[in-house]
């Protein structure tokens, strides 16, 4: 596998992961009450805890995308 193929793979992976993150944010923003009702059937969560879990999870996912997609892509571009 050459570096051009790896760059393309990382770029597609970056786009896919940011699409997931964007969809997650949009659904969380516009269907917050529906998501809270759905999850509160299974778990006892206050709205504040529910929001904190989602906000923290989105941040963790974003950091993972940055470390696993963006950093290697930048390193390959600099070579």
PDB file of N, CA and C in Angstrom:
ATOM      1  N   UNK A   1       0.853  -1.171   0.000  1.00  0.00           N
ATOM      2  CA  UNK A   1       0.000   0.000   0.000  1.00  0.00           C
ATOM      3  C   UNK A   1       0.905   1.242   0.000  1.00  0.00           C
ATOM      4  N   UNK A   2       0.727   2.096  -0.962  1.00  0.00           N
ATOM      5  CA  UNK A   2       1.568   3.296  -1.031  1.00  0.00           C
ATOM      6  C   UNK A   2       0.962   4.428  -0.197  1.00  0.00           C
ATOM      7  N   UNK A   3       1.730   5.511  -0.055  1.00  0.00           N
ATOM      8  CA  UNK A   3       1.280   6.601   0.815  1.00  0.00           C
ATOM      9  C   UNK A   3       0.066   7.334   0.251  1.00  0.00           C
ATOM     10  N   UNK A   4      -0.078   7.376  -1.066  1.00  0.00           N
ATOM     11  CA  UNK A   4      -1.254   8.031  -1.647  1.00  0.00           C
ATOM     12  C   UNK A   4      -2.541   7.284  -1.293  1.00  0.00           C
ATOM     13  N   UNK A   5      -2.473   5.977  -1.285  1.00  0.00           N
ATOM     14  CA  UNK A   5      -3.643   5.183  -0.908  1.00  0.00           C
ATOM     15  C   UNK A   5      -3.971   5.372   0.577  1.00  0.00           C
ATOM     16  N   UNK A   6      -2.958   5.447   1.406  1.00  0.00           N
ATOM     17  CA  UNK A   6      -3.181   5.656   2.834  1.00  0.00           C
ATOM     18  C   UNK A   6      -3.763   7.043   3.083  1.00  0.00           C
ATOM     19  N   UNK A   7      -3.259   8.051   2.366  1.00  0.00           N
ATOM     20  CA  UNK A   7      -3.816   9.400   2.493  1.00  0.00           C
ATOM     21  C   UNK A   7      -5.287   9.418   2.101  1.00  0.00           C
ATOM     22  N   UNK A   8      -5.607   8.757   1.008  1.00  0.00           N
ATOM     23  CA  UNK A   8      -7.006   8.710   0.568  1.00  0.00           C
ATOM     24  C   UNK A   8      -7.880   8.003   1.601  1.00  0.00           C
ATOM     25  N   UNK A   9      -7.385   6.892   2.139  1.00  0.00           N
ATOM     26  CA  UNK A   9      -8.130   6.156   3.158  1.00  0.00           C
ATOM     27  C   UNK A   9      -8.360   7.010   4.397  1.00  0.00           C
ATOM     28  N   UNK A  10      -7.333   7.713   4.851  1.00  0.00           N
ATOM     29  CA  UNK A  10      -7.475   8.571   6.021  1.00  0.00           C
ATOM     30  C   UNK A  10      -8.428   9.727   5.753  1.00  0.00           C
ATOM     31  N   UNK A  11      -8.408  10.250   4.546  1.00  0.00           N
ATOM     32  CA  UNK A  11      -9.308  11.340   4.198  1.00  0.00           C
ATOM     33  C   UNK A  11     -10.766  10.870   4.173  1.00  0.00           C
ATOM     34  N   UNK A  12     -11.012   9.701   3.582  1.00  0.00           N
ATOM     35  CA  UNK A  12     -12.371   9.144   3.579  1.00  0.00           C
ATOM     36  C   UNK A  12     -12.818   8.807   5.003  1.00  0.00           C
ATOM     37  N   UNK A  13     -11.916   8.281   5.791  1.00  0.00           N
ATOM     38  CA  UNK A  13     -12.240   7.960   7.178  1.00  0.00           C
ATOM     39  C   UNK A  13     -12.562   9.226   7.967  1.00  0.00           C
ATOM     40  N   UNK A  14     -11.800  10.276   7.722  1.00  0.00           N
ATOM     41  CA  UNK A  14     -12.054  11.551   8.384  1.00  0.00           C
ATOM     42  C   UNK A  14     -13.427  12.096   8.011  1.00  0.00           C
ATOM     43  N   UNK A  15     -13.753  12.056   6.729  1.00  0.00           N
ATOM     44  CA  UNK A  15     -15.062  12.544   6.280  1.00  0.00           C
ATOM     45  C   UNK A  15     -16.192  11.718   6.880  1.00  0.00           C
ATOM     46  N   UNK A  16     -16.042  10.403   6.901  1.00  0.00           N
ATOM     47  CA  UNK A  16     -17.063   9.519   7.458  1.00  0.00           C
ATOM     48  C   UNK A  16     -17.258   9.779   8.945  1.00  0.00           C
ATOM     49  N   UNK A  17     -16.163   9.903   9.689  1.00  0.00           N
ATOM     50  CA  UNK A  17     -16.271  10.125  11.129  1.00  0.00           C
ATOM     51  C   UNK A  17     -16.856  11.489  11.457  1.00  0.00           C
ATOM     52  N   UNK A  18     -16.505  12.513  10.686  1.00  0.00           N
ATOM     53  CA  UNK A  18     -17.107  13.817  10.933  1.00  0.00           C
ATOM     54  C   UNK A  18     -18.576  13.836  10.530  1.00  0.00           C
ATOM     55  N   UNK A  19     -18.960  13.046   9.548  1.00  0.00           N
ATOM     56  CA  UNK A  19     -20.377  12.925   9.206  1.00  0.00           C
ATOM     57  C   UNK A  19     -21.146  12.299  10.366  1.00  0.00           C
ATOM     58  N   UNK A  20     -20.583  11.267  10.959  1.00  0.00           N
ATOM     59  CA  UNK A  20     -21.218  10.639  12.130  1.00  0.00           C
ATOM     60  C   UNK A  20     -21.338  11.647  13.267  1.00  0.00           C
ATOM     61  N   UNK A  21     -20.273  12.389  13.521  1.00  0.00           N
ATOM     62  CA  UNK A  21     -20.287  13.380  14.588  1.00  0.00           C
ATOM     63  C   UNK A  21     -21.313  14.476  14.320  1.00  0.00           C
ATOM     64  N   UNK A  22     -21.428  14.909  13.085  1.00  0.00           N
ATOM     65  CA  UNK A  22     -22.396  15.943  12.722  1.00  0.00           C
ATOM     66  C   UNK A  22     -23.826  15.439  12.869  1.00  0.00           C
ATOM     67  N   UNK A  23     -24.084  14.221  12.405  1.00  0.00           N
ATOM     68  CA  UNK A  23     -25.424  13.632  12.553  1.00  0.00           C
ATOM     69  C   UNK A  23     -25.777  13.485  14.025  1.00  0.00           C
ATOM     70  N   UNK A  24     -24.816  13.032  14.824  1.00  0.00           N
ATOM     71  CA  UNK A  24     -25.037  12.886  16.260  1.00  0.00           C
ATOM     72  C   UNK A  24     -25.412  14.234  16.877  1.00  0.00           C
ATOM     73  N   UNK A  25     -24.667  15.286  16.522  1.00  0.00           N
ATOM     74  CA  UNK A  25     -24.943  16.606  17.070  1.00  0.00           C
ATOM     75  C   UNK A  25     -26.312  17.123  16.631  1.00  0.00           C
ATOM     76  N   UNK A  26     -26.659  16.943  15.359  1.00  0.00           N
ATOM     77  CA  UNK A  26     -27.940  17.429  14.848  1.00  0.00           C
ATOM     78  C   UNK A  26     -29.096  16.702  15.516  1.00  0.00           C
ATOM     79  N   UNK A  27     -28.992  15.382  15.622  1.00  0.00           N
ATOM     80  CA  UNK A  27     -30.055  14.615  16.284  1.00  0.00           C
ATOM     81  C   UNK A  27     -30.142  15.005  17.757  1.00  0.00           C
ATOM     82  N   UNK A  28     -29.003  15.172  18.402  1.00  0.00           N
ATOM     83  CA  UNK A  28     -28.997  15.564  19.815  1.00  0.00           C
ATOM     84  C   UNK A  28     -29.622  16.950  19.989  1.00  0.00           C
ATOM     85  N   UNK A  29     -29.360  17.847  19.072  1.00  0.00           N
ATOM     86  CA  UNK A  29     -29.885  19.215  19.188  1.00  0.00           C
ATOM     87  C   UNK A  29     -31.377  19.297  18.901  1.00  0.00           C
ATOM     88  N   UNK A  30     -31.812  18.643  17.828  1.00  0.00           N
ATOM     89  CA  UNK A  30     -33.197  18.805  17.397  1.00  0.00           C
ATOM     90  C   UNK A  30     -34.148  17.741  17.935  1.00  0.00           C
ATOM     91  N   UNK A  31     -33.641  16.614  18.384  1.00  0.00           N
ATOM     92  CA  UNK A  31     -34.496  15.561  18.924  1.00  0.00           C
ATOM     93  C   UNK A  31     -34.073  15.212  20.355  1.00  0.00           C
ATOM     94  N   UNK A  32     -33.679  16.239  21.093  1.00  0.00           N
ATOM     95  CA  UNK A  32     -33.169  16.023  22.451  1.00  0.00           C
ATOM     96  C   UNK A  32     -34.193  15.342  23.343  1.00  0.00           C
ATOM     97  N   UNK A  33     -35.417  15.840  23.342  1.00  0.00           N
ATOM     98  CA  UNK A  33     -36.441  15.278  24.228  1.00  0.00           C
ATOM     99  C   UNK A  33     -36.764  13.835  23.873  1.00  0.00           C
ATOM    100  N   UNK A  34     -36.843  13.546  22.586  1.00  0.00           N
ATOM    101  CA  UNK A  34     -37.104  12.174  22.150  1.00  0.00           C
ATOM    102  C   UNK A  34     -35.965  11.241  22.581  1.00  0.00           C
ATOM    103  N   UNK A  35     -34.718  11.687  22.403  1.00  0.00           N
ATOM    104  CA  UNK A  35     -33.581  10.861  22.824  1.00  0.00           C
ATOM    105  C   UNK A  35     -33.575  10.659  24.332  1.00  0.00           C
ATOM    106  N   UNK A  36     -33.891  11.712  25.079  1.00  0.00           N
ATOM    107  CA  UNK A  36     -33.911  11.596  26.536  1.00  0.00           C
ATOM    108  C   UNK A  36     -34.995  10.620  26.979  1.00  0.00           C
ATOM    109  N   UNK A  37     -36.190  10.719  26.401  1.00  0.00           N
ATOM    110  CA  UNK A  37     -37.262   9.776  26.758  1.00  0.00           C
ATOM    111  C   UNK A  37     -36.872   8.342  26.422  1.00  0.00           C
ATOM    112  N   UNK A  38     -36.243   8.156  25.274  1.00  0.00           N
ATOM    113  CA  UNK A  38     -35.818   6.820  24.866  1.00  0.00           C
ATOM    114  C   UNK A  38     -34.805   6.236  25.851  1.00  0.00           C
ATOM    115  N   UNK A  39     -33.808   7.012  26.226  1.00  0.00           N
ATOM    116  CA  UNK A  39     -32.776   6.505  27.122  1.00  0.00           C
ATOM    117  C   UNK A  39     -33.231   6.431  28.576  1.00  0.00           C
ATOM    118  N   UNK A  40     -34.152   7.300  28.953  1.00  0.00           N
ATOM    119  CA  UNK A  40     -34.609   7.245  30.346  1.00  0.00           C
ATOM    120  C   UNK A  40     -35.526   6.055  30.606  1.00  0.00           C
ATOM    121  N   UNK A  41     -35.950   5.361  29.565  1.00  0.00           N
ATOM    122  CA  UNK A  41     -36.684   4.105  29.772  1.00  0.00           C
ATOM    123  C   UNK A  41     -35.772   3.030  30.349  1.00  0.00           C
ATOM    124  N   UNK A  42     -34.508   3.062  29.950  1.00  0.00           N
ATOM    125  CA  UNK A  42     -33.568   2.025  30.364  1.00  0.00           C
ATOM    126  C   UNK A  42     -32.711   2.441  31.546  1.00  0.00           C
ATOM    127  N   UNK A  43     -32.418   3.728  31.657  1.00  0.00           N
ATOM    128  CA  UNK A  43     -31.509   4.211  32.692  1.00  0.00           C
ATOM    129  C   UNK A  43     -32.154   5.357  33.445  1.00  0.00           C
ATOM    130  N   UNK A  44     -31.825   5.455  34.718  1.00  0.00           N
ATOM    131  CA  UNK A  44     -32.279   6.594  35.507  1.00  0.00           C
ATOM    132  C   UNK A  44     -31.269   7.717  35.325  1.00  0.00           C
ATOM    133  N   UNK A  45     -31.634   8.684  34.520  1.00  0.00           N
ATOM    134  CA  UNK A  45     -30.753   9.809  34.236  1.00  0.00           C
ATOM    135  C   UNK A  45     -31.527  11.112  34.363  1.00  0.00           C
ATOM    136  N   UNK A  46     -30.881  12.085  34.979  1.00  0.00           N
ATOM    137  CA  UNK A  46     -31.463  13.423  34.923  1.00  0.00           C
ATOM    138  C   UNK A  46     -31.080  14.035  33.577  1.00  0.00           C
ATOM    139  N   UNK A  47     -31.733  15.100  33.229  1.00  0.00           N
ATOM    140  CA  UNK A  47     -31.446  15.756  31.955  1.00  0.00           C
ATOM    141  C   UNK A  47     -30.008  16.274  31.944  1.00  0.00           C
ATOM    142  N   UNK A  48     -29.545  16.788  33.080  1.00  0.00           N
ATOM    143  CA  UNK A  48     -28.186  17.318  33.160  1.00  0.00           C
ATOM    144  C   UNK A  48     -27.150  16.223  32.959  1.00  0.00           C
ATOM    145  N   UNK A  49     -27.363  15.069  33.556  1.00  0.00           N
ATOM    146  CA  UNK A  49     -26.431  13.949  33.396  1.00  0.00           C
ATOM    147  C   UNK A  49     -26.466  13.435  31.960  1.00  0.00           C
ATOM    148  N   UNK A  50     -27.653  13.347  31.398  1.00  0.00           N
ATOM    149  CA  UNK A  50     -27.798  12.910  30.009  1.00  0.00           C
ATOM    150  C   UNK A  50     -27.031  13.838  29.072  1.00  0.00           C
ATOM    151  N   UNK A  51     -27.199  15.147  29.262  1.00  0.00           N
ATOM    152  CA  UNK A  51     -26.487  16.117  28.435  1.00  0.00           C
ATOM    153  C   UNK A  51     -24.975  16.016  28.628  1.00  0.00           C
ATOM    154  N   UNK A  52     -24.538  15.848  29.865  1.00  0.00           N
ATOM    155  CA  UNK A  52     -23.105  15.760  30.147  1.00  0.00           C
ATOM    156  C   UNK A  52     -22.492  14.505  29.520  1.00  0.00           C
ATOM    157  N   UNK A  53     -23.209  13.405  29.563  1.00  0.00           N
ATOM    158  CA  UNK A  53     -22.714  12.167  28.958  1.00  0.00           C
ATOM    159  C   UNK A  53     -22.562  12.335  27.452  1.00  0.00           C
ATOM    160  N   UNK A  54     -23.558  12.911  26.813  1.00  0.00           N
ATOM    161  CA  UNK A  54     -23.478  13.097  25.360  1.00  0.00           C
ATOM    162  C   UNK A  54     -22.407  14.106  24.983  1.00  0.00           C
ATOM    163  N   UNK A  55     -22.309  15.193  25.716  1.00  0.00           N
ATOM    164  CA  UNK A  55     -21.307  16.211  25.417  1.00  0.00           C
ATOM    165  C   UNK A  55     -19.903  15.630  25.596  1.00  0.00           C
ATOM    166  N   UNK A  56     -19.686  14.901  26.683  1.00  0.00           N
ATOM    167  CA  UNK A  56     -18.386  14.276  26.909  1.00  0.00           C
ATOM    168  C   UNK A  56     -18.069  13.210  25.882  1.00  0.00           C
ATOM    169  N   UNK A  57     -19.070  12.452  25.492  1.00  0.00           N
ATOM    170  CA  UNK A  57     -18.854  11.411  24.480  1.00  0.00           C
ATOM    171  C   UNK A  57     -18.522  12.011  23.122  1.00  0.00           C
ATOM    172  N   UNK A  58     -19.195  13.102  22.766  1.00  0.00           N
ATOM    173  CA  UNK A  58     -18.873  13.770  21.511  1.00  0.00           C
ATOM    174  C   UNK A  58     -17.447  14.321  21.534  1.00  0.00           C
ATOM    175  N   UNK A  59     -17.053  14.875  22.663  1.00  0.00           N
ATOM    176  CA  UNK A  59     -15.693  15.398  22.786  1.00  0.00           C
ATOM    177  C   UNK A  59     -14.665  14.278  22.680  1.00  0.00           C
ATOM    178  N   UNK A  60     -14.919  13.160  23.327  1.00  0.00           N
ATOM    179  CA  UNK A  60     -14.009  12.021  23.266  1.00  0.00           C
ATOM    180  C   UNK A  60     -13.924  11.460  21.849  1.00  0.00           C
ATOM    181  N   UNK A  61     -15.045  11.371  21.167  1.00  0.00           N
ATOM    182  CA  UNK A  61     -15.073  10.891  19.784  1.00  0.00           C
ATOM    183  C   UNK A  61     -14.281  11.827  18.878  1.00  0.00           C
ATOM    184  N   UNK A  62     -14.442  13.127  19.104  1.00  0.00           N
ATOM    185  CA  UNK A  62     -13.726  14.115  18.294  1.00  0.00           C
ATOM    186  C   UNK A  62     -12.221  14.028  18.529  1.00  0.00           C
ATOM    187  N   UNK A  63     -11.806  13.862  19.768  1.00  0.00           N
ATOM    188  CA  UNK A  63     -10.378  13.705  20.061  1.00  0.00           C
ATOM    189  C   UNK A  63      -9.841  12.440  19.409  1.00  0.00           C
ATOM    190  N   UNK A  64     -10.615  11.364  19.448  1.00  0.00           N
ATOM    191  CA  UNK A  64     -10.203  10.129  18.784  1.00  0.00           C
ATOM    192  C   UNK A  64     -10.042  10.307  17.289  1.00  0.00           C
ATOM    193  N   UNK A  65     -10.958  11.041  16.670  1.00  0.00           N
ATOM    194  CA  UNK A  65     -10.858  11.311  15.234  1.00  0.00           C
ATOM    195  C   UNK A  65      -9.613  12.137  14.945  1.00  0.00           C
ATOM    196  N   UNK A  66      -9.360  13.124  15.769  1.00  0.00           N
ATOM    197  CA  UNK A  66      -8.172  13.960  15.564  1.00  0.00           C
ATOM    198  C   UNK A  66      -6.887  13.157  15.703  1.00  0.00           C
ATOM    199  N   UNK A  67      -6.828  12.301  16.702  1.00  0.00           N
ATOM    200  CA  UNK A  67      -5.606  11.522  16.932  1.00  0.00           C
ATOM    201  C   UNK A  67      -5.416  10.398  15.922  1.00  0.00           C
ATOM    202  N   UNK A  68      -6.495   9.777  15.504  1.00  0.00           N
ATOM    203  CA  UNK A  68      -6.373   8.597  14.654  1.00  0.00           C
ATOM    204  C   UNK A  68      -6.523   8.882  13.164  1.00  0.00           C
ATOM    205  N   UNK A  69      -7.036  10.056  12.801  1.00  0.00           N
ATOM    206  CA  UNK A  69      -7.198  10.386  11.387  1.00  0.00           C
ATOM    207  C   UNK A  69      -6.408  11.623  10.986  1.00  0.00           C
ATOM    208  N   UNK A  70      -6.584  12.705  11.716  1.00  0.00           N
ATOM    209  CA  UNK A  70      -5.977  13.968  11.314  1.00  0.00           C
ATOM    210  C   UNK A  70      -4.469  13.956  11.530  1.00  0.00           C
ATOM    211  N   UNK A  71      -4.016  13.502  12.687  1.00  0.00           N
ATOM    212  CA  UNK A  71      -2.578  13.511  12.968  1.00  0.00           C
ATOM    213  C   UNK A  71      -1.783  12.657  11.981  1.00  0.00           C
ATOM    214  N   UNK A  72      -2.193  11.412  11.686  1.00  0.00           N
ATOM    215  CA  UNK A  72      -1.441  10.644  10.685  1.00  0.00           C
ATOM    216  C   UNK A  72      -1.521  11.256   9.287  1.00  0.00           C
ATOM    217  N   UNK A  73      -2.666  11.861   8.962  1.00  0.00           N
ATOM    218  CA  UNK A  73      -2.814  12.481   7.649  1.00  0.00           C
ATOM    219  C   UNK A  73      -1.871  13.668   7.507  1.00  0.00           C
ATOM    220  N   UNK A  74      -1.780  14.489   8.521  1.00  0.00           N
ATOM    221  CA  UNK A  74      -0.850  15.621   8.491  1.00  0.00           C
ATOM    222  C   UNK A  74       0.590  15.134   8.416  1.00  0.00           C
ATOM    223  N   UNK A  75       0.897  14.085   9.176  1.00  0.00           N
ATOM    224  CA  UNK A  75       2.258  13.530   9.128  1.00  0.00           C
ATOM    225  C   UNK A  75       2.607  13.019   7.737  1.00  0.00           C
ATOM    226  N   UNK A  76       1.661  12.390   7.073  1.00  0.00           N
ATOM    227  CA  UNK A  76       1.916  11.904   5.705  1.00  0.00           C
ATOM    228  C   UNK A  76       2.038  13.066   4.714  1.00  0.00           C
ATOM    229  N   UNK A  77       1.260  14.116   4.917  1.00  0.00           N
ATOM    230  CA  UNK A  77       1.377  15.280   4.030  1.00  0.00           C
ATOM    231  C   UNK A  77       2.722  15.977   4.187  1.00  0.00           C
ATOM    232  N   UNK A  78       3.284  15.948   5.414  1.00  0.00           N
ATOM    233  CA  UNK A  78       4.560  16.614   5.665  1.00  0.00           C
ATOM    234  C   UNK A  78       5.762  15.829   5.176  1.00  0.00           C
ATOM    235  N   UNK A  79       5.563  14.558   4.895  1.00  0.00           N
ATOM    236  CA  UNK A  79       6.688  13.736   4.423  1.00  0.00           C
ATOM    237  C   UNK A  79       6.998  14.079   2.984  1.00  0.00           C
TER     238      UNK A  79
END
